[in-house]
Protein backbone atom coordinates (compact mmCIF):
# COMPACT_ATOMS: atom_id res chain seq x y z
CA UNK A 1 24.73 3.89 18.25
CA UNK A 2 23.11 1.79 15.76
CA UNK A 3 19.51 3.32 14.43
CA UNK A 4 16.38 1.50 15.69
CA UNK A 5 12.97 1.26 13.86
CA UNK A 6 10.38 3.15 15.57
CA UNK A 7 7.00 1.34 16.21
CA UNK A 8 4.79 1.43 12.96
CA UNK A 9 1.84 3.65 12.98
CA UNK A 10 -0.35 2.68 10.44
CA UNK A 11 -2.36 5.96 10.75
CA UNK A 12 0.92 7.52 9.10
CA UNK A 13 1.05 4.92 6.04
CA UNK A 14 0.34 6.82 2.76
CA UNK A 15 -2.35 5.58 0.42
CA UNK A 16 -0.61 3.66 -2.33
CA UNK A 17 -2.01 5.45 -5.29
CA UNK A 18 -0.50 8.46 -4.09
CA UNK A 19 3.20 7.52 -5.57
CA UNK A 20 3.46 4.70 -8.17
CA UNK A 21 7.29 4.23 -7.18
CA UNK A 22 6.34 2.95 -3.66
CA UNK A 23 5.41 -0.35 -5.12
CA UNK A 24 7.42 -2.82 -7.48
CA UNK A 25 5.67 -4.49 -10.16
CA UNK A 26 7.15 -7.67 -10.69
CA UNK A 27 6.16 -9.02 -14.20
CA UNK A 28 4.76 -12.27 -14.83
CA UNK A 29 7.70 -14.65 -15.98
CA UNK A 30 10.18 -13.53 -13.55
CA UNK A 31 12.20 -16.23 -12.04
CA UNK A 32 12.37 -16.45 -8.11
CA UNK A 33 14.58 -18.78 -6.22
CA UNK A 34 14.41 -20.33 -2.71
CA UNK A 35 16.39 -22.85 -0.52
CA UNK A 36 14.23 -24.97 1.68
CA UNK A 37 14.37 -28.25 3.85
CA UNK A 38 12.69 -31.27 2.29
CA UNK A 39 13.49 -33.51 5.12
CA UNK A 40 13.77 -33.07 9.15
CA UNK A 41 11.72 -31.60 11.60
CA UNK A 42 10.15 -29.00 9.66
CA UNK A 43 10.07 -30.30 6.11
CA UNK A 44 8.58 -28.07 3.22
CA UNK A 45 7.82 -28.06 -0.60
CA UNK A 46 9.07 -25.63 -3.32
CA UNK A 47 5.40 -23.94 -3.41
CA UNK A 48 4.74 -24.41 0.43
CA UNK A 49 3.72 -21.16 2.32
CA UNK A 50 4.70 -21.23 5.88
CA UNK A 51 1.24 -20.76 8.13
CA UNK A 52 2.73 -21.46 11.36
CA UNK A 53 4.20 -18.17 12.89
CA UNK A 54 5.63 -15.63 13.84
CA UNK A 55 8.93 -17.11 13.72
CA UNK A 56 12.59 -15.49 13.99
CA UNK A 57 12.10 -14.20 10.45
CA UNK A 58 12.03 -10.87 9.63
CA UNK A 59 8.89 -10.04 7.41
CA UNK A 60 6.36 -12.59 8.72
CA UNK A 61 2.98 -11.07 8.71
CA UNK A 62 1.39 -13.67 11.35
CA UNK A 63 -0.37 -12.03 14.49
CA UNK A 64 1.23 -13.31 17.83
CA UNK A 65 1.39 -15.57 19.50
CA UNK A 66 3.18 -18.40 17.45
CA UNK A 67 1.06 -20.74 15.96
CA UNK A 68 -0.80 -22.09 12.86
CA UNK A 69 -2.68 -19.19 11.70
CA UNK A 70 -5.43 -19.97 8.87
CA UNK A 71 -5.53 -17.49 6.28
CA UNK A 72 -1.72 -16.34 6.92
CA UNK A 73 1.36 -17.47 4.86
CA UNK A 74 4.86 -16.61 4.08
CA UNK A 75 7.25 -17.59 1.46
CA UNK A 76 10.70 -16.04 1.50
CA UNK A 77 12.37 -15.85 -1.94
CA UNK A 78 14.82 -14.06 -3.83
CA UNK A 79 13.84 -12.57 -7.47
CA UNK A 80 15.95 -12.51 -10.52
CA UNK A 81 15.43 -8.99 -11.17
CA UNK A 82 17.28 -8.97 -14.70
CA UNK A 83 15.33 -9.03 -17.71
CA UNK A 84 13.19 -12.09 -17.97
CA UNK A 85 10.66 -12.56 -20.81
CA UNK A 86 7.47 -13.47 -19.53
CA UNK A 87 6.70 -17.01 -20.32
CA UNK A 88 10.30 -18.30 -21.30
CA UNK A 89 11.44 -20.50 -18.42
CA UNK A 90 14.58 -21.97 -18.63
CA UNK A 91 15.62 -25.47 -19.16
CA UNK A 92 16.66 -27.29 -15.69
CA UNK A 93 19.90 -27.27 -17.14
CA UNK A 94 20.60 -23.75 -17.47
CA UNK A 95 18.62 -22.37 -14.75
CA UNK A 96 21.38 -21.61 -12.33
CA UNK A 97 23.80 -20.55 -15.35
CA UNK A 98 24.47 -16.95 -15.94
CA UNK A 99 25.81 -14.10 -13.48
CA UNK A 100 22.12 -12.77 -12.54
CA UNK A 101 21.25 -16.43 -11.42
CA UNK A 102 24.47 -16.98 -9.73
CA UNK A 103 23.96 -13.81 -7.70
CA UNK A 104 20.46 -14.90 -7.03
CA UNK A 105 21.56 -18.38 -5.40
CA UNK A 106 24.53 -16.97 -3.71
CA UNK A 107 22.02 -14.48 -1.85
CA UNK A 108 19.71 -17.72 -0.87
CA UNK A 109 22.63 -19.42 0.53
CA UNK A 110 23.87 -16.65 2.42
CA UNK A 111 20.28 -16.01 3.86
CA UNK A 112 19.44 -19.68 4.46
CA UNK A 113 22.35 -20.39 6.23
CA UNK A 114 23.38 -17.36 8.16
CA UNK A 115 22.99 -18.44 11.57
CA UNK A 116 25.93 -20.77 11.81
CA UNK A 117 27.61 -19.56 8.70
CA UNK A 118 27.83 -23.40 7.44
CA UNK A 119 26.17 -24.87 4.24
CA UNK A 120 24.91 -28.17 5.06
CA UNK A 121 24.42 -29.89 1.79
CA UNK A 122 23.08 -33.12 3.44
CA UNK A 123 21.32 -32.48 6.80
CA UNK A 124 17.66 -31.88 6.40
CA UNK A 125 18.08 -32.72 2.52
CA UNK A 126 18.08 -29.06 1.41
CA UNK A 127 16.84 -28.15 -1.92
CA UNK A 128 17.05 -25.27 -4.33
CA UNK A 129 13.84 -24.28 -6.63
CA UNK A 130 13.58 -21.79 -9.35
CA UNK A 131 10.11 -20.97 -10.48
CA UNK A 132 8.69 -18.34 -12.72
CA UNK A 133 5.42 -16.24 -11.46
CA UNK A 134 2.38 -16.63 -13.77
CA UNK A 135 1.09 -13.29 -13.11
CA UNK A 136 2.49 -9.80 -11.93
CA UNK A 137 2.98 -9.38 -8.66
CA UNK A 138 2.84 -5.94 -6.45
CA UNK A 139 5.47 -6.00 -3.91
CA UNK A 140 5.83 -2.80 -1.53
CA UNK A 141 9.32 -1.66 -2.03
CA UNK A 142 11.21 -0.77 1.30
CA UNK A 143 14.64 -0.23 -0.16
CA UNK A 144 14.19 1.59 -3.60
CA UNK A 145 11.71 4.09 -2.65
CA UNK A 146 10.64 6.72 0.18
CA UNK A 147 7.95 4.92 1.26
CA UNK A 148 9.47 3.90 4.80
CA UNK A 149 10.63 7.60 5.34
CA UNK A 150 7.24 8.70 4.11
CA UNK A 151 5.33 6.03 6.85
CA UNK A 152 7.63 7.14 9.82
CA UNK A 153 10.00 4.37 9.77
CA UNK A 154 13.80 4.02 8.71
CA UNK A 155 16.32 1.37 7.18
CA UNK A 156 16.56 -0.37 10.61
CA UNK A 157 12.98 -1.96 9.38
CA UNK A 158 15.18 -3.83 6.87
CA UNK A 159 18.44 -4.79 9.34
CA UNK A 160 17.32 -4.11 12.78
CA UNK A 161 15.49 -5.93 15.41
CA UNK A 162 13.22 -8.61 13.58
CA UNK A 163 10.66 -8.43 16.26
CA UNK A 164 10.48 -4.82 15.27
CA UNK A 165 10.34 -5.84 11.61
CA UNK A 166 7.58 -8.29 11.92
CA UNK A 167 5.41 -5.17 13.72
CA UNK A 168 6.07 -3.42 10.47
CA UNK A 169 4.81 -6.52 8.24
CA UNK A 170 1.98 -7.09 10.30
CA UNK A 171 0.74 -3.24 10.02
CA UNK A 172 1.73 -3.41 6.34
CA UNK A 173 -0.05 -6.46 5.73
CA UNK A 174 -3.28 -4.81 7.76
CA UNK A 175 -2.81 -1.61 5.85
CA UNK A 176 -2.62 -2.94 2.35
CA UNK A 177 -4.43 -5.89 1.82
CA UNK A 178 -3.96 -5.62 -1.91
CA UNK A 179 -0.29 -6.04 -2.01
CA UNK A 180 1.43 -9.40 -2.68
CA UNK A 181 4.25 -9.09 -0.08
CA UNK A 182 7.39 -6.92 0.30
CA UNK A 183 10.76 -6.45 -1.43
CA UNK A 184 13.67 -5.30 0.65
CA UNK A 185 17.38 -5.23 0.23
CA UNK A 186 18.98 -8.47 1.94
CA UNK A 187 20.47 -7.58 5.38
CA UNK A 188 23.31 -9.61 4.61
CA UNK A 189 23.74 -8.85 0.88
CA UNK A 190 22.33 -5.09 0.80
CA UNK A 191 23.06 -4.87 -3.34
CA UNK A 192 20.78 -7.81 -3.50
CA UNK A 193 16.91 -7.90 -3.15
CA UNK A 194 14.44 -10.36 -1.34
CA UNK A 195 10.96 -10.84 -1.17
CA UNK A 196 8.44 -12.07 1.58
CA UNK A 197 5.52 -13.39 -0.55
CA UNK A 198 2.37 -13.33 1.21
CA UNK A 199 -0.31 -15.89 0.98
CA UNK A 200 -2.23 -13.39 -1.72
CA UNK A 201 0.70 -14.27 -4.05
CA UNK A 202 -0.11 -18.23 -3.97
CA UNK A 203 -2.25 -17.99 -7.06
CA UNK A 204 1.04 -16.46 -8.91
CA UNK A 205 3.09 -19.90 -8.41
CA UNK A 206 3.31 -22.02 -11.47
CA UNK A 207 2.29 -25.89 -11.33
CA UNK A 208 5.98 -26.86 -11.46
CA UNK A 209 9.15 -25.31 -10.74
CA UNK A 210 11.69 -24.49 -13.48
CA UNK A 211 14.07 -26.32 -11.31
CA UNK A 212 14.30 -28.06 -8.44
CA UNK A 213 17.80 -29.59 -7.17
CA UNK A 214 18.87 -30.99 -3.54
CA UNK A 215 22.02 -29.16 -2.63
CA UNK A 216 24.10 -32.39 -2.82
CA UNK A 217 23.89 -32.40 -6.45
CA UNK A 218 27.33 -32.23 -8.22
CA UNK A 219 26.06 -29.36 -10.68
CA UNK A 220 25.82 -26.92 -7.76
CA UNK A 221 29.17 -27.86 -6.11
CA UNK A 222 31.30 -24.84 -7.88
CA UNK A 223 28.65 -22.17 -6.77
CA UNK A 224 28.03 -23.46 -3.39
CA UNK A 225 32.28 -23.94 -2.92
CA UNK A 226 32.40 -20.32 -4.42
CA UNK A 227 29.91 -18.91 -2.34
CA UNK A 228 31.30 -20.04 1.10
CA UNK A 229 34.95 -19.00 0.17
CA UNK A 230 33.90 -15.33 -0.53
CA UNK A 231 31.65 -14.76 2.37
CA UNK A 232 33.80 -16.96 5.00
CA UNK A 233 31.04 -19.63 5.38
CA UNK A 234 32.02 -23.24 5.48
CA UNK A 235 30.41 -26.32 3.79
CA UNK A 236 29.58 -29.80 5.26
């Protein structure tokens, strides 16, 4: 029987200053990547935080019921956690070169298109954005610390019922208003880390992305096809 996450008990959540390992400090200049739709029924932009929620996403902090919630927002993005010097953004032509960036993009694709396991390069005009945060971020680390255990949870918060994960997300956001979001292992790519950036982090976004490319661009054909082949996805 697979493990289930318990209902969160905020009274059991520890004070964060008690252990500095519970939060990851993401340096200014760290690059993040995200894939999003620029057209279709729910178009977005590279720097948009979704205020409608909660939807069927793991770490939405929005209260129920699903609707527009002023003061709430979330952006899911994959941080490139290899060394990234602050203030040294990559040129557009180099932003998706190198092993770290390739792994980051692969994680974005696997996460974004997991429902049907089909990477659609044209439908709804999906795009890839790379951007470097302009200030230090503080993310509660669910995977590389023992915070979940101390707080009475388990790994199913990151890989089990999304509805229960959202209960934890709401409780975390209320208990720790000073954090910018959460950092977690991807349930599909456990060796990589994904972030749910909450509205508090909005002032860390730059005025412009380092790179912004629609998925139908020829520069992305190689990595998209390689990712699909490795993980059993199709490409349309």
